[in-house]
Amino acid sequence: MQSRLFNAAILAGGRSSRMGCDKSELRLNDQTLLERAKQLLLSLGAEEVFVMRQGEVHDMYPDSGPLGGIHGAIYHAPNKPLLIIPVDLPLLCQEDLRALINAGMTGHDITHFPGQYLPVFLANPAQLMPLLTQRLDTRGALSLRHFFEALTCQSVEPVSEHALMNANSPQDWKAIVEQFTQGQSTT
């Protein structure tokens, strides 16, 4: 049996204000986006999958956005490589995430897609804790871009053309559903 070499976290604690409803509860092909994300991560071989949101694994730095969620995920799983995805990228597929994992494991590095800092694969998550904690304690720049640009990262091209379609608004969601439906009809 293959050993499970990494843990995973789903960032699902956002307010979903532009969407107007909890994005993790949106349904695609009879699955919520949260169920879909969990299934994807487990199918990739994640040992444990943490859901970063109130009521599950919550951020220790509330109202700190994705950096707070990343901190919480690392805090709960510091000793294994960690794949972190947002709940609102429902068209991600195994091949896209496998590319991040493989590049990160090979280079013992932080990997993400060009211009996107989520999803992110952290080969050595514990090494980020001091910098993350300092940034969150001082309420410094909390953007993912500012944080990851200060680090050595490797970007990997996504395999799927639509992998990074983000469900931020009802218009975005409509486009995702249309793309998903088109993909289903061609397979």
N, C-alpha and C. Protein backbone atom coordinates (compact mmCIF):
# COMPACT_ATOMS: atom_id res chain seq x y z
N MET A 1 0.84 -1.19 0.00
CA MET A 1 0.00 0.00 0.00
C MET A 1 0.89 1.25 0.00
N GLN A 2 0.51 2.23 -0.82
CA GLN A 2 1.29 3.47 -0.94
C GLN A 2 1.13 4.31 0.33
N SER A 3 2.26 4.82 0.85
CA SER A 3 2.17 5.68 2.03
C SER A 3 1.64 7.04 1.62
N ARG A 4 0.97 7.66 2.50
CA ARG A 4 0.40 8.98 2.23
C ARG A 4 1.42 10.01 2.70
N LEU A 5 1.94 10.76 1.74
CA LEU A 5 3.08 11.62 2.00
C LEU A 5 2.75 13.06 2.31
N PHE A 6 1.47 13.45 2.24
CA PHE A 6 1.14 14.84 2.47
C PHE A 6 -0.24 14.96 3.11
N ASN A 7 -0.47 16.09 3.73
CA ASN A 7 -1.78 16.45 4.25
C ASN A 7 -2.35 17.54 3.36
N ALA A 8 -3.61 17.85 3.54
CA ALA A 8 -4.25 18.88 2.71
C ALA A 8 -5.20 19.70 3.56
N ALA A 9 -5.44 20.92 3.11
CA ALA A 9 -6.38 21.81 3.78
C ALA A 9 -7.22 22.51 2.73
N ILE A 10 -8.48 22.72 3.07
CA ILE A 10 -9.41 23.46 2.22
C ILE A 10 -9.75 24.75 2.94
N LEU A 11 -9.48 25.88 2.29
CA LEU A 11 -9.85 27.17 2.86
C LEU A 11 -11.31 27.44 2.51
N ALA A 12 -12.16 27.43 3.53
CA ALA A 12 -13.60 27.59 3.32
C ALA A 12 -14.21 28.56 4.32
N GLY A 13 -13.40 29.43 4.89
CA GLY A 13 -13.88 30.30 5.95
C GLY A 13 -14.22 31.70 5.53
N GLY A 14 -14.21 31.98 4.24
CA GLY A 14 -14.50 33.34 3.78
C GLY A 14 -15.96 33.71 3.97
N ARG A 15 -16.23 34.98 3.84
CA ARG A 15 -17.59 35.48 4.05
C ARG A 15 -18.49 35.29 2.84
N SER A 16 -17.93 35.05 1.66
CA SER A 16 -18.70 34.87 0.43
C SER A 16 -19.62 36.05 0.15
N SER A 17 -19.17 37.26 0.48
CA SER A 17 -20.04 38.43 0.36
C SER A 17 -20.41 38.73 -1.10
N ARG A 18 -19.50 38.57 -2.03
CA ARG A 18 -19.84 38.82 -3.43
C ARG A 18 -20.79 37.77 -3.98
N MET A 19 -20.69 36.53 -3.49
CA MET A 19 -21.56 35.46 -3.96
C MET A 19 -22.95 35.60 -3.35
N GLY A 20 -23.02 36.07 -2.11
CA GLY A 20 -24.31 36.23 -1.45
C GLY A 20 -24.78 34.98 -0.73
N CYS A 21 -23.99 33.92 -0.76
CA CYS A 21 -24.29 32.68 -0.03
C CYS A 21 -22.98 31.95 0.22
N ASP A 22 -23.01 30.97 1.09
CA ASP A 22 -21.82 30.20 1.42
C ASP A 22 -21.37 29.40 0.20
N LYS A 23 -20.21 29.75 -0.37
CA LYS A 23 -19.72 29.10 -1.58
C LYS A 23 -19.49 27.60 -1.37
N SER A 24 -19.11 27.21 -0.17
CA SER A 24 -18.83 25.79 0.06
C SER A 24 -20.07 24.92 -0.08
N GLU A 25 -21.26 25.54 -0.01
CA GLU A 25 -22.52 24.80 -0.11
C GLU A 25 -23.10 24.80 -1.53
N LEU A 26 -22.47 25.52 -2.46
CA LEU A 26 -22.94 25.47 -3.85
C LEU A 26 -22.81 24.04 -4.36
N ARG A 27 -23.71 23.64 -5.23
CA ARG A 27 -23.73 22.26 -5.70
C ARG A 27 -23.36 22.17 -7.17
N LEU A 28 -22.51 21.20 -7.46
CA LEU A 28 -22.10 20.90 -8.82
C LEU A 28 -22.16 19.38 -8.97
N ASN A 29 -23.02 18.91 -9.86
CA ASN A 29 -23.16 17.47 -10.07
C ASN A 29 -23.51 16.74 -8.77
N ASP A 30 -24.48 17.26 -8.05
CA ASP A 30 -25.00 16.66 -6.81
C ASP A 30 -24.00 16.60 -5.66
N GLN A 31 -22.96 17.41 -5.72
CA GLN A 31 -21.99 17.51 -4.62
C GLN A 31 -21.82 18.97 -4.27
N THR A 32 -21.65 19.25 -2.97
CA THR A 32 -21.30 20.61 -2.60
C THR A 32 -19.85 20.85 -3.01
N LEU A 33 -19.46 22.10 -3.12
CA LEU A 33 -18.06 22.39 -3.45
C LEU A 33 -17.13 21.86 -2.37
N LEU A 34 -17.58 21.89 -1.11
CA LEU A 34 -16.75 21.34 -0.04
C LEU A 34 -16.59 19.83 -0.19
N GLU A 35 -17.67 19.12 -0.46
CA GLU A 35 -17.58 17.67 -0.66
C GLU A 35 -16.68 17.35 -1.85
N ARG A 36 -16.82 18.12 -2.90
CA ARG A 36 -16.04 17.93 -4.12
C ARG A 36 -14.54 18.12 -3.84
N ALA A 37 -14.22 19.18 -3.08
CA ALA A 37 -12.81 19.45 -2.74
C ALA A 37 -12.23 18.34 -1.87
N LYS A 38 -12.98 17.90 -0.87
CA LYS A 38 -12.50 16.81 0.00
C LYS A 38 -12.24 15.55 -0.81
N GLN A 39 -13.18 15.20 -1.66
CA GLN A 39 -13.03 14.00 -2.49
C GLN A 39 -11.80 14.10 -3.38
N LEU A 40 -11.59 15.26 -3.98
CA LEU A 40 -10.43 15.46 -4.84
C LEU A 40 -9.13 15.26 -4.05
N LEU A 41 -9.03 15.86 -2.89
CA LEU A 41 -7.81 15.77 -2.09
C LEU A 41 -7.55 14.35 -1.60
N LEU A 42 -8.59 13.67 -1.18
CA LEU A 42 -8.42 12.28 -0.74
C LEU A 42 -8.04 11.38 -1.91
N SER A 43 -8.61 11.64 -3.09
CA SER A 43 -8.27 10.82 -4.25
C SER A 43 -6.82 11.02 -4.69
N LEU A 44 -6.24 12.16 -4.33
CA LEU A 44 -4.82 12.42 -4.63
C LEU A 44 -3.89 11.71 -3.65
N GLY A 45 -4.44 11.27 -2.53
CA GLY A 45 -3.63 10.56 -1.55
C GLY A 45 -3.33 11.34 -0.28
N ALA A 46 -4.08 12.41 -0.03
CA ALA A 46 -3.86 13.16 1.22
C ALA A 46 -4.15 12.26 2.42
N GLU A 47 -3.26 12.30 3.41
CA GLU A 47 -3.47 11.50 4.62
C GLU A 47 -4.62 12.07 5.43
N GLU A 48 -4.57 13.37 5.67
CA GLU A 48 -5.64 14.06 6.39
C GLU A 48 -6.04 15.28 5.57
N VAL A 49 -7.33 15.62 5.64
CA VAL A 49 -7.84 16.83 4.99
C VAL A 49 -8.49 17.67 6.08
N PHE A 50 -7.98 18.88 6.24
CA PHE A 50 -8.51 19.83 7.21
C PHE A 50 -9.37 20.85 6.49
N VAL A 51 -10.51 21.17 7.07
CA VAL A 51 -11.36 22.22 6.53
C VAL A 51 -11.19 23.43 7.43
N MET A 52 -10.68 24.49 6.84
CA MET A 52 -10.38 25.70 7.60
C MET A 52 -11.59 26.63 7.56
N ARG A 53 -12.39 26.57 8.63
CA ARG A 53 -13.53 27.45 8.79
C ARG A 53 -14.08 27.28 10.21
N GLN A 54 -14.86 28.25 10.62
CA GLN A 54 -15.47 28.21 11.96
C GLN A 54 -16.27 26.92 12.11
N GLY A 55 -16.12 26.27 13.24
CA GLY A 55 -16.84 25.04 13.50
C GLY A 55 -16.06 23.79 13.12
N GLU A 56 -15.00 23.94 12.35
CA GLU A 56 -14.14 22.81 12.01
C GLU A 56 -12.75 23.15 12.54
N VAL A 57 -11.79 23.39 11.69
CA VAL A 57 -10.48 23.86 12.14
C VAL A 57 -10.45 25.36 11.89
N HIS A 58 -10.58 26.15 12.92
CA HIS A 58 -10.70 27.60 12.73
C HIS A 58 -9.34 28.30 12.78
N ASP A 59 -9.34 29.48 12.19
CA ASP A 59 -8.13 30.29 12.17
C ASP A 59 -7.83 30.81 13.57
N MET A 60 -6.57 30.83 13.94
CA MET A 60 -6.17 31.41 15.21
C MET A 60 -6.03 32.92 15.08
N TYR A 61 -6.06 33.40 13.85
CA TYR A 61 -6.02 34.83 13.56
C TYR A 61 -7.27 35.18 12.75
N PRO A 62 -8.41 35.36 13.44
CA PRO A 62 -9.65 35.65 12.72
C PRO A 62 -9.51 36.92 11.88
N ASP A 63 -10.29 36.97 10.83
CA ASP A 63 -10.32 38.12 9.93
C ASP A 63 -8.96 38.42 9.31
N SER A 64 -8.17 37.39 9.07
CA SER A 64 -6.85 37.56 8.45
C SER A 64 -6.82 36.97 7.05
N GLY A 65 -7.98 36.61 6.53
CA GLY A 65 -8.06 36.10 5.18
C GLY A 65 -7.33 34.78 5.00
N PRO A 66 -6.93 34.49 3.77
CA PRO A 66 -6.28 33.22 3.47
C PRO A 66 -4.99 32.99 4.26
N LEU A 67 -4.24 34.06 4.58
CA LEU A 67 -3.01 33.85 5.36
C LEU A 67 -3.32 33.26 6.73
N GLY A 68 -4.41 33.71 7.34
CA GLY A 68 -4.83 33.13 8.62
C GLY A 68 -5.19 31.66 8.47
N GLY A 69 -5.86 31.32 7.37
CA GLY A 69 -6.21 29.92 7.11
C GLY A 69 -4.98 29.06 6.87
N ILE A 70 -4.02 29.60 6.13
CA ILE A 70 -2.77 28.87 5.88
C ILE A 70 -2.03 28.64 7.19
N HIS A 71 -1.97 29.67 8.03
CA HIS A 71 -1.33 29.54 9.35
C HIS A 71 -2.00 28.43 10.15
N GLY A 72 -3.33 28.44 10.20
CA GLY A 72 -4.06 27.42 10.95
C GLY A 72 -3.81 26.02 10.42
N ALA A 73 -3.75 25.88 9.09
CA ALA A 73 -3.50 24.57 8.49
C ALA A 73 -2.11 24.07 8.85
N ILE A 74 -1.12 24.97 8.77
CA ILE A 74 0.25 24.56 9.13
C ILE A 74 0.32 24.22 10.61
N TYR A 75 -0.33 25.00 11.46
CA TYR A 75 -0.33 24.75 12.90
C TYR A 75 -0.84 23.33 13.20
N HIS A 76 -1.88 22.91 12.48
CA HIS A 76 -2.47 21.60 12.73
C HIS A 76 -1.75 20.47 12.01
N ALA A 77 -0.90 20.79 11.05
CA ALA A 77 -0.20 19.75 10.30
C ALA A 77 1.18 20.24 9.88
N PRO A 78 2.08 20.52 10.84
CA PRO A 78 3.36 21.13 10.49
C PRO A 78 4.42 20.19 9.93
N ASN A 79 4.27 18.90 10.17
CA ASN A 79 5.39 18.00 9.91
C ASN A 79 5.32 17.19 8.63
N LYS A 80 4.34 17.45 7.81
CA LYS A 80 4.24 16.78 6.51
C LYS A 80 4.01 17.85 5.46
N PRO A 81 4.44 17.58 4.23
CA PRO A 81 4.09 18.51 3.17
C PRO A 81 2.58 18.75 3.17
N LEU A 82 2.19 19.94 2.71
CA LEU A 82 0.80 20.37 2.84
C LEU A 82 0.33 21.00 1.53
N LEU A 83 -0.77 20.50 1.03
CA LEU A 83 -1.43 21.07 -0.15
C LEU A 83 -2.64 21.86 0.35
N ILE A 84 -2.72 23.12 -0.04
CA ILE A 84 -3.82 23.99 0.41
C ILE A 84 -4.57 24.48 -0.82
N ILE A 85 -5.90 24.26 -0.81
CA ILE A 85 -6.73 24.73 -1.91
C ILE A 85 -7.89 25.56 -1.36
N PRO A 86 -8.38 26.51 -2.15
CA PRO A 86 -9.60 27.21 -1.76
C PRO A 86 -10.81 26.37 -2.18
N VAL A 87 -11.90 26.54 -1.49
CA VAL A 87 -13.10 25.76 -1.80
C VAL A 87 -13.75 26.21 -3.11
N ASP A 88 -13.41 27.40 -3.57
CA ASP A 88 -14.14 27.99 -4.70
C ASP A 88 -13.46 27.84 -6.06
N LEU A 89 -12.68 26.78 -6.23
CA LEU A 89 -12.10 26.43 -7.54
C LEU A 89 -12.59 25.03 -7.93
N PRO A 90 -13.87 24.91 -8.27
CA PRO A 90 -14.44 23.57 -8.46
C PRO A 90 -13.98 22.83 -9.71
N LEU A 91 -13.28 23.49 -10.63
CA LEU A 91 -12.84 22.81 -11.84
C LEU A 91 -11.41 22.31 -11.75
N LEU A 92 -10.79 22.44 -10.57
CA LEU A 92 -9.47 21.82 -10.36
C LEU A 92 -9.61 20.32 -10.59
N CYS A 93 -8.58 19.71 -11.13
CA CYS A 93 -8.61 18.27 -11.31
C CYS A 93 -7.32 17.66 -10.74
N GLN A 94 -7.31 16.36 -10.66
CA GLN A 94 -6.15 15.65 -10.11
C GLN A 94 -4.87 16.03 -10.82
N GLU A 95 -4.91 16.12 -12.14
CA GLU A 95 -3.69 16.39 -12.90
C GLU A 95 -3.10 17.76 -12.53
N ASP A 96 -3.97 18.76 -12.33
CA ASP A 96 -3.49 20.09 -11.95
C ASP A 96 -2.76 20.02 -10.61
N LEU A 97 -3.39 19.40 -9.64
CA LEU A 97 -2.81 19.36 -8.30
C LEU A 97 -1.62 18.42 -8.22
N ARG A 98 -1.65 17.34 -9.00
CA ARG A 98 -0.51 16.44 -9.04
C ARG A 98 0.73 17.16 -9.55
N ALA A 99 0.55 18.07 -10.51
CA ALA A 99 1.68 18.84 -11.03
C ALA A 99 2.30 19.69 -9.93
N LEU A 100 1.45 20.32 -9.09
CA LEU A 100 1.97 21.11 -7.96
C LEU A 100 2.72 20.23 -6.97
N ILE A 101 2.10 19.12 -6.62
CA ILE A 101 2.69 18.21 -5.63
C ILE A 101 4.03 17.67 -6.14
N ASN A 102 4.05 17.18 -7.37
CA ASN A 102 5.28 16.59 -7.92
C ASN A 102 6.41 17.61 -7.98
N ALA A 103 6.11 18.82 -8.45
CA ALA A 103 7.14 19.86 -8.52
C ALA A 103 7.63 20.23 -7.12
N GLY A 104 6.71 20.34 -6.18
CA GLY A 104 7.09 20.68 -4.80
C GLY A 104 7.90 19.61 -4.12
N MET A 105 7.52 18.35 -4.32
CA MET A 105 8.25 17.24 -3.71
C MET A 105 9.64 17.10 -4.32
N THR A 106 9.73 17.30 -5.62
CA THR A 106 11.01 17.18 -6.31
C THR A 106 11.96 18.28 -5.88
N GLY A 107 11.44 19.51 -5.83
CA GLY A 107 12.29 20.65 -5.50
C GLY A 107 12.29 21.03 -4.03
N HIS A 108 11.54 20.28 -3.21
CA HIS A 108 11.40 20.61 -1.78
C HIS A 108 11.09 22.10 -1.62
N ASP A 109 10.06 22.52 -2.30
CA ASP A 109 9.79 23.93 -2.47
C ASP A 109 8.32 24.26 -2.26
N ILE A 110 8.03 25.54 -2.39
CA ILE A 110 6.67 26.05 -2.41
C ILE A 110 6.29 26.15 -3.88
N THR A 111 5.16 25.54 -4.26
CA THR A 111 4.73 25.62 -5.65
C THR A 111 3.31 26.15 -5.73
N HIS A 112 3.07 26.91 -6.79
CA HIS A 112 1.74 27.46 -7.07
C HIS A 112 1.63 27.65 -8.58
N PHE A 113 0.45 28.04 -9.04
CA PHE A 113 0.26 28.32 -10.46
C PHE A 113 0.67 29.76 -10.72
N PRO A 114 1.13 30.08 -11.94
CA PRO A 114 1.59 31.45 -12.25
C PRO A 114 0.51 32.50 -11.94
N GLY A 115 0.89 33.50 -11.15
CA GLY A 115 -0.02 34.58 -10.82
C GLY A 115 -1.10 34.22 -9.82
N GLN A 116 -1.13 32.99 -9.34
CA GLN A 116 -2.12 32.51 -8.37
C GLN A 116 -1.36 31.93 -7.17
N TYR A 117 -1.75 32.31 -5.98
CA TYR A 117 -1.06 31.78 -4.80
C TYR A 117 -1.89 30.76 -4.06
N LEU A 118 -3.06 30.46 -4.57
CA LEU A 118 -3.88 29.35 -4.14
C LEU A 118 -4.41 28.68 -5.39
N PRO A 119 -4.30 27.38 -5.46
CA PRO A 119 -3.73 26.42 -4.54
C PRO A 119 -2.21 26.63 -4.39
N VAL A 120 -1.72 26.10 -3.27
CA VAL A 120 -0.29 26.15 -3.01
C VAL A 120 0.13 24.84 -2.35
N PHE A 121 1.31 24.37 -2.74
CA PHE A 121 1.88 23.18 -2.12
C PHE A 121 3.11 23.62 -1.34
N LEU A 122 3.16 23.22 -0.07
CA LEU A 122 4.26 23.58 0.82
C LEU A 122 5.02 22.31 1.20
N ALA A 123 6.20 22.15 0.65
CA ALA A 123 6.99 20.94 0.93
C ALA A 123 7.45 20.89 2.39
N ASN A 124 7.77 22.06 2.96
CA ASN A 124 8.23 22.15 4.35
C ASN A 124 7.42 23.21 5.09
N PRO A 125 6.17 22.90 5.41
CA PRO A 125 5.30 23.93 5.97
C PRO A 125 5.77 24.53 7.30
N ALA A 126 6.39 23.74 8.15
CA ALA A 126 6.83 24.26 9.45
C ALA A 126 7.81 25.42 9.31
N GLN A 127 8.60 25.43 8.23
CA GLN A 127 9.56 26.51 8.02
C GLN A 127 8.88 27.86 7.82
N LEU A 128 7.63 27.86 7.41
CA LEU A 128 6.92 29.12 7.17
C LEU A 128 6.30 29.72 8.43
N MET A 129 6.17 28.92 9.48
CA MET A 129 5.46 29.39 10.67
C MET A 129 6.03 30.68 11.27
N PRO A 130 7.33 30.83 11.46
CA PRO A 130 7.82 32.07 12.05
C PRO A 130 7.46 33.31 11.23
N LEU A 131 7.63 33.22 9.93
CA LEU A 131 7.31 34.36 9.07
C LEU A 131 5.81 34.64 9.05
N LEU A 132 5.02 33.59 8.95
CA LEU A 132 3.56 33.75 8.97
C LEU A 132 3.09 34.36 10.29
N THR A 133 3.59 33.83 11.40
CA THR A 133 3.20 34.33 12.72
C THR A 133 3.58 35.79 12.88
N GLN A 134 4.78 36.13 12.46
CA GLN A 134 5.21 37.54 12.55
C GLN A 134 4.29 38.44 11.72
N ARG A 135 4.00 38.03 10.51
CA ARG A 135 3.14 38.82 9.62
C ARG A 135 1.74 38.99 10.24
N LEU A 136 1.20 37.91 10.80
CA LEU A 136 -0.14 37.97 11.38
C LEU A 136 -0.16 38.72 12.71
N ASP A 137 0.89 38.56 13.53
CA ASP A 137 0.97 39.29 14.81
C ASP A 137 1.04 40.79 14.61
N THR A 138 1.79 41.20 13.60
CA THR A 138 1.97 42.64 13.37
C THR A 138 0.89 43.21 12.45
N ARG A 139 0.01 42.32 11.96
CA ARG A 139 -1.03 42.72 11.01
C ARG A 139 -0.41 43.41 9.80
N GLY A 140 0.75 42.88 9.40
CA GLY A 140 1.43 43.40 8.21
C GLY A 140 0.60 43.13 6.98
N ALA A 141 1.18 43.29 5.82
CA ALA A 141 0.47 43.04 4.56
C ALA A 141 -0.05 41.61 4.58
N LEU A 142 -1.36 41.47 4.54
CA LEU A 142 -1.97 40.14 4.64
C LEU A 142 -2.30 39.52 3.29
N SER A 143 -1.87 40.15 2.21
CA SER A 143 -2.17 39.57 0.90
C SER A 143 -1.26 38.37 0.64
N LEU A 144 -1.82 37.39 -0.06
CA LEU A 144 -1.03 36.22 -0.43
C LEU A 144 0.14 36.62 -1.32
N ARG A 145 -0.11 37.53 -2.24
CA ARG A 145 0.94 37.97 -3.16
C ARG A 145 2.13 38.54 -2.40
N HIS A 146 1.88 39.47 -1.46
CA HIS A 146 2.98 40.05 -0.68
C HIS A 146 3.73 38.99 0.11
N PHE A 147 3.00 38.05 0.68
CA PHE A 147 3.64 37.02 1.48
C PHE A 147 4.52 36.11 0.62
N PHE A 148 3.95 35.56 -0.45
CA PHE A 148 4.69 34.59 -1.25
C PHE A 148 5.77 35.22 -2.12
N GLU A 149 5.62 36.48 -2.49
CA GLU A 149 6.67 37.14 -3.26
C GLU A 149 7.95 37.32 -2.44
N ALA A 150 7.84 37.29 -1.12
CA ALA A 150 9.01 37.41 -0.25
C ALA A 150 9.73 36.07 -0.07
N LEU A 151 9.19 35.01 -0.66
CA LEU A 151 9.75 33.67 -0.50
C LEU A 151 10.24 33.13 -1.84
N THR A 152 11.01 32.07 -1.78
CA THR A 152 11.42 31.39 -3.00
C THR A 152 10.33 30.38 -3.35
N CYS A 153 9.69 30.61 -4.47
CA CYS A 153 8.59 29.75 -4.91
C CYS A 153 8.83 29.30 -6.34
N GLN A 154 8.17 28.25 -6.71
CA GLN A 154 8.23 27.74 -8.08
C GLN A 154 6.81 27.75 -8.62
N SER A 155 6.63 28.26 -9.83
CA SER A 155 5.29 28.21 -10.41
C SER A 155 5.23 27.09 -11.44
N VAL A 156 4.06 26.49 -11.53
CA VAL A 156 3.81 25.35 -12.40
C VAL A 156 2.56 25.67 -13.22
N GLU A 157 2.61 25.43 -14.50
CA GLU A 157 1.44 25.68 -15.34
C GLU A 157 0.35 24.65 -15.03
N PRO A 158 -0.90 25.11 -14.93
CA PRO A 158 -1.99 24.14 -14.74
C PRO A 158 -2.17 23.31 -16.00
N VAL A 159 -2.61 22.10 -15.83
CA VAL A 159 -2.85 21.20 -16.96
C VAL A 159 -4.17 21.56 -17.63
N SER A 160 -5.18 21.79 -16.83
CA SER A 160 -6.52 22.09 -17.32
C SER A 160 -6.67 23.57 -17.63
N GLU A 161 -7.24 23.86 -18.77
CA GLU A 161 -7.44 25.25 -19.21
C GLU A 161 -8.36 26.03 -18.27
N HIS A 162 -9.28 25.35 -17.61
CA HIS A 162 -10.28 26.03 -16.78
C HIS A 162 -10.08 25.80 -15.28
N ALA A 163 -8.94 25.27 -14.90
CA ALA A 163 -8.69 24.89 -13.51
C ALA A 163 -8.87 26.04 -12.53
N LEU A 164 -8.54 27.25 -12.95
CA LEU A 164 -8.51 28.37 -12.02
C LEU A 164 -9.74 29.27 -12.13
N MET A 165 -10.83 28.74 -12.71
CA MET A 165 -12.07 29.51 -12.74
C MET A 165 -12.61 29.58 -11.31
N ASN A 166 -12.71 30.80 -10.79
CA ASN A 166 -13.04 31.03 -9.39
C ASN A 166 -14.49 31.44 -9.25
N ALA A 167 -15.18 30.87 -8.29
CA ALA A 167 -16.59 31.17 -8.01
C ALA A 167 -16.70 32.27 -6.97
N ASN A 168 -16.50 33.51 -7.39
CA ASN A 168 -16.60 34.64 -6.47
C ASN A 168 -17.95 35.33 -6.51
N SER A 169 -18.64 35.26 -7.64
CA SER A 169 -19.89 35.99 -7.81
C SER A 169 -20.90 35.08 -8.52
N PRO A 170 -22.18 35.46 -8.52
CA PRO A 170 -23.16 34.67 -9.27
C PRO A 170 -22.80 34.55 -10.76
N GLN A 171 -22.21 35.59 -11.33
CA GLN A 171 -21.80 35.53 -12.74
C GLN A 171 -20.68 34.50 -12.93
N ASP A 172 -19.72 34.51 -12.01
CA ASP A 172 -18.64 33.51 -12.07
C ASP A 172 -19.21 32.10 -11.97
N TRP A 173 -20.15 31.92 -11.05
CA TRP A 173 -20.73 30.61 -10.82
C TRP A 173 -21.46 30.12 -12.07
N LYS A 174 -22.18 31.02 -12.72
CA LYS A 174 -22.89 30.66 -13.95
C LYS A 174 -21.89 30.18 -15.01
N ALA A 175 -20.77 30.88 -15.17
CA ALA A 175 -19.75 30.49 -16.14
C ALA A 175 -19.14 29.13 -15.79
N ILE A 176 -18.93 28.88 -14.51
CA ILE A 176 -18.38 27.58 -14.06
C ILE A 176 -19.35 26.45 -14.38
N VAL A 177 -20.63 26.67 -14.07
CA VAL A 177 -21.63 25.63 -14.34
C VAL A 177 -21.70 25.35 -15.84
N GLU A 178 -21.66 26.41 -16.66
CA GLU A 178 -21.68 26.23 -18.11
C GLU A 178 -20.45 25.44 -18.57
N GLN A 179 -19.27 25.80 -18.05
CA GLN A 179 -18.05 25.09 -18.44
C GLN A 179 -18.09 23.63 -17.98
N PHE A 180 -18.57 23.40 -16.78
CA PHE A 180 -18.68 22.04 -16.26
C PHE A 180 -19.63 21.22 -17.12
N THR A 181 -20.76 21.80 -17.49
CA THR A 181 -21.76 21.11 -18.31
C THR A 181 -21.18 20.78 -19.69
N GLN A 182 -20.45 21.73 -20.27
CA GLN A 182 -19.81 21.47 -21.57
C GLN A 182 -18.79 20.34 -21.45
N GLY A 183 -18.03 20.35 -20.38
CA GLY A 183 -17.03 19.29 -20.16
C GLY A 183 -17.69 17.93 -19.98
N GLN A 184 -18.84 17.89 -19.32
CA GLN A 184 -19.55 16.64 -19.11
C GLN A 184 -20.10 16.09 -20.43
N SER A 185 -20.53 16.99 -21.32
CA SER A 185 -21.12 16.53 -22.57
C SER A 185 -20.07 16.04 -23.57
N THR A 186 -18.80 16.43 -23.36
CA THR A 186 -17.74 15.98 -24.28
C THR A 186 -17.03 14.73 -23.79
N THR A 187 -17.36 14.28 -22.59
CA THR A 187 -16.68 13.07 -22.09
C THR A 187 -17.54 11.85 -22.26
